Each structure stands twice: as C-alpha cells, then as structure tokens.
Amino acid sequence: MIKKIKRIFYRSIENKEISYKNLKELMKNKTVYLIDVRSNQEYEEGHLDGAINISLYNIEKQIGNYVKNKTDIIILYCSSGGRSREAKRILENLGYEEVYNLKGGIDMVWVR
C-alpha cells in the first residue's frame, strides 16, 4: 500500500496536481487537509466530505489555524482549479511543502 501511495505522489509531483480518484485513495491511508478555497456561499451550496472552507482571500491569514505542520499534506480545490492554483502558490511561498491542487476542481468531481 505504501508503494501505491508513493506512486500516486511521484506521478503528481511535477505539476503538483492530484485526481479525485487518487485523492480518495490517499485519504484512506494518510492524514490529508482538504481545503475548499471557494467563497462561504459556494461552500454551503455543496462541498467535498471532510473539506475545510478557507476562501482564497483568507488563506494566508487562516491556514495556520488549521495546518500547524508545514510538511502535512494539503489538497486544495475550487470550482475549476484557478483559485486553488493561486492558493497553492501562496501556501508554497509561506513554506508549506506538500501542497497539491485537485485536478479540474470540484466541477470535474460533480460531472462524474
């Protein structure tokens, strides 16, 4: 199982994106902070199970309230991936090391 998790990460490491299928597998075996960077209203309209809502505009100020260890795994998502890519850049600039973007955002998950 550890080899499978490593393989998922190594495939994603270059672009730091993860598919929903790989996210679900990862969450079975690892502690993952799943963060929805959409607005509170968008979050209330529907979100992934276990997600924490920290809007893009508050991510820099509020991330430390939820994720204390900068080596913990963080998966970010929004509607289509734009805001979560920006949030990823912000968190990496703050020193967070294991930050990934959910490929295609929640829209791709709901299309299934």
Protein backbone atom coordinates (compact mmCIF):
# COMPACT_ATOMS: atom_id res chain seq x y z
CA MET A 1 0.00 0.00 0.00
CA ILE A 2 2.85 2.40 0.80
CA LYS A 3 4.30 1.79 -2.69
CA LYS A 4 0.95 2.67 -4.23
CA ILE A 5 0.78 5.94 -2.27
CA LYS A 6 4.33 6.82 -3.32
CA ARG A 7 3.48 6.10 -6.94
CA ILE A 8 0.47 8.45 -6.74
CA PHE A 9 2.66 11.20 -5.35
CA TYR A 10 5.52 10.70 -7.77
CA ARG A 11 3.14 10.94 -10.73
CA SER A 12 1.71 14.18 -9.34
CA ILE A 13 4.91 15.70 -8.03
CA GLU A 14 5.91 17.56 -11.18
CA ASN A 15 2.70 19.53 -11.59
CA LYS A 16 1.52 19.02 -8.00
CA GLU A 17 -1.98 18.06 -9.13
CA ILE A 18 -3.97 15.07 -7.97
CA SER A 19 -7.03 13.43 -9.47
CA TYR A 20 -10.17 12.87 -7.42
CA LYS A 21 -9.70 9.10 -7.66
CA ASN A 22 -6.16 9.38 -6.27
CA LEU A 23 -7.36 11.80 -3.59
CA LYS A 24 -9.92 9.29 -2.32
CA GLU A 25 -7.27 6.55 -2.21
CA LEU A 26 -4.81 8.83 -0.43
CA MET A 27 -7.37 9.86 2.20
CA LYS A 28 -7.86 6.20 3.16
CA ASN A 29 -4.24 5.88 4.22
CA LYS A 30 -2.92 9.32 5.15
CA THR A 31 -3.95 12.39 7.08
CA VAL A 32 -4.83 14.98 4.47
CA TYR A 33 -6.09 18.52 4.88
CA LEU A 34 -8.70 19.02 2.16
CA ILE A 35 -9.31 22.74 1.74
CA ASP A 36 -12.06 24.34 -0.33
CA VAL A 37 -10.86 27.82 -1.32
CA ARG A 38 -14.20 28.97 -2.73
CA SER A 39 -16.44 31.54 -1.03
CA ASN A 40 -18.53 30.60 2.01
CA GLN A 41 -21.65 30.72 -0.15
CA GLU A 42 -20.20 28.33 -2.74
CA TYR A 43 -19.07 26.01 0.06
CA GLU A 44 -22.55 25.99 1.61
CA GLU A 45 -24.07 25.11 -1.77
CA GLY A 46 -22.01 21.91 -1.81
CA HIS A 47 -18.53 20.66 -0.97
CA LEU A 48 -16.47 17.50 -0.70
CA ASP A 49 -16.82 15.48 2.51
CA GLY A 50 -14.26 16.45 5.10
CA ALA A 51 -13.32 19.74 3.42
CA ILE A 52 -12.42 22.84 5.40
CA ASN A 53 -13.57 26.14 3.89
CA ILE A 54 -10.89 28.84 3.76
CA SER A 55 -11.54 31.22 0.88
CA LEU A 56 -8.63 32.20 -1.35
CA TYR A 57 -8.78 35.70 0.07
CA ASN A 58 -8.31 34.43 3.64
CA ILE A 59 -5.91 31.53 3.05
CA GLU A 60 -2.75 33.40 4.03
CA LYS A 61 -4.23 34.62 7.34
CA GLN A 62 -6.17 31.50 8.34
CA ILE A 63 -4.15 28.46 7.18
CA GLY A 64 -2.13 28.39 10.42
CA ASN A 65 -5.34 27.89 12.41
CA TYR A 66 -5.84 24.53 10.70
CA VAL A 67 -2.46 23.25 9.49
CA LYS A 68 0.34 23.67 12.05
CA ASN A 69 2.95 21.42 10.45
CA LYS A 70 4.27 22.77 7.14
CA THR A 71 5.09 19.24 5.96
CA ASP A 72 1.49 17.96 6.26
CA ILE A 73 -0.33 17.10 3.05
CA ILE A 74 -2.71 19.81 1.84
CA ILE A 75 -5.07 19.31 -1.10
CA LEU A 76 -6.73 22.48 -2.39
CA TYR A 77 -9.76 22.76 -4.63
CA CYS A 78 -12.16 25.33 -6.05
CA SER A 79 -14.66 25.15 -8.92
CA SER A 80 -12.30 24.58 -11.82
CA GLY A 81 -8.75 24.88 -10.47
CA GLY A 82 -7.84 28.56 -10.92
CA ARG A 83 -8.28 29.79 -7.36
CA SER A 84 -6.78 26.65 -5.89
CA ARG A 85 -3.65 27.07 -8.06
CA GLU A 86 -3.30 30.60 -6.70
CA ALA A 87 -3.83 29.36 -3.13
CA LYS A 88 -1.18 26.67 -3.74
CA ARG A 89 1.30 29.34 -4.79
CA ILE A 90 0.53 31.37 -1.65
CA LEU A 91 0.98 28.37 0.65
CA GLU A 92 4.23 27.35 -1.02
CA ASN A 93 5.51 30.90 -0.53
CA LEU A 94 4.62 30.54 3.16
CA GLY A 95 6.79 27.42 3.33
CA TYR A 96 4.20 24.63 3.09
CA GLU A 97 5.88 21.74 1.32
CA GLU A 98 3.20 19.17 0.42
CA VAL A 99 0.54 21.28 -1.32
CA TYR A 100 -1.46 19.80 -4.18
CA ASN A 101 -4.23 21.04 -6.44
CA LEU A 102 -7.30 18.88 -7.17
CA LYS A 103 -7.15 18.48 -10.93
CA GLY A 104 -10.13 20.16 -12.61
CA GLY A 105 -11.65 21.31 -9.33
CA ILE A 106 -14.96 20.23 -7.85
CA ASP A 107 -16.69 20.73 -11.21
CA MET A 108 -14.85 17.66 -12.53
CA VAL A 109 -15.92 15.64 -9.50
CA TRP A 110 -19.60 16.56 -9.95
CA VAL A 111 -19.51 15.79 -13.68
CA ARG A 112 -18.88 12.09 -12.94
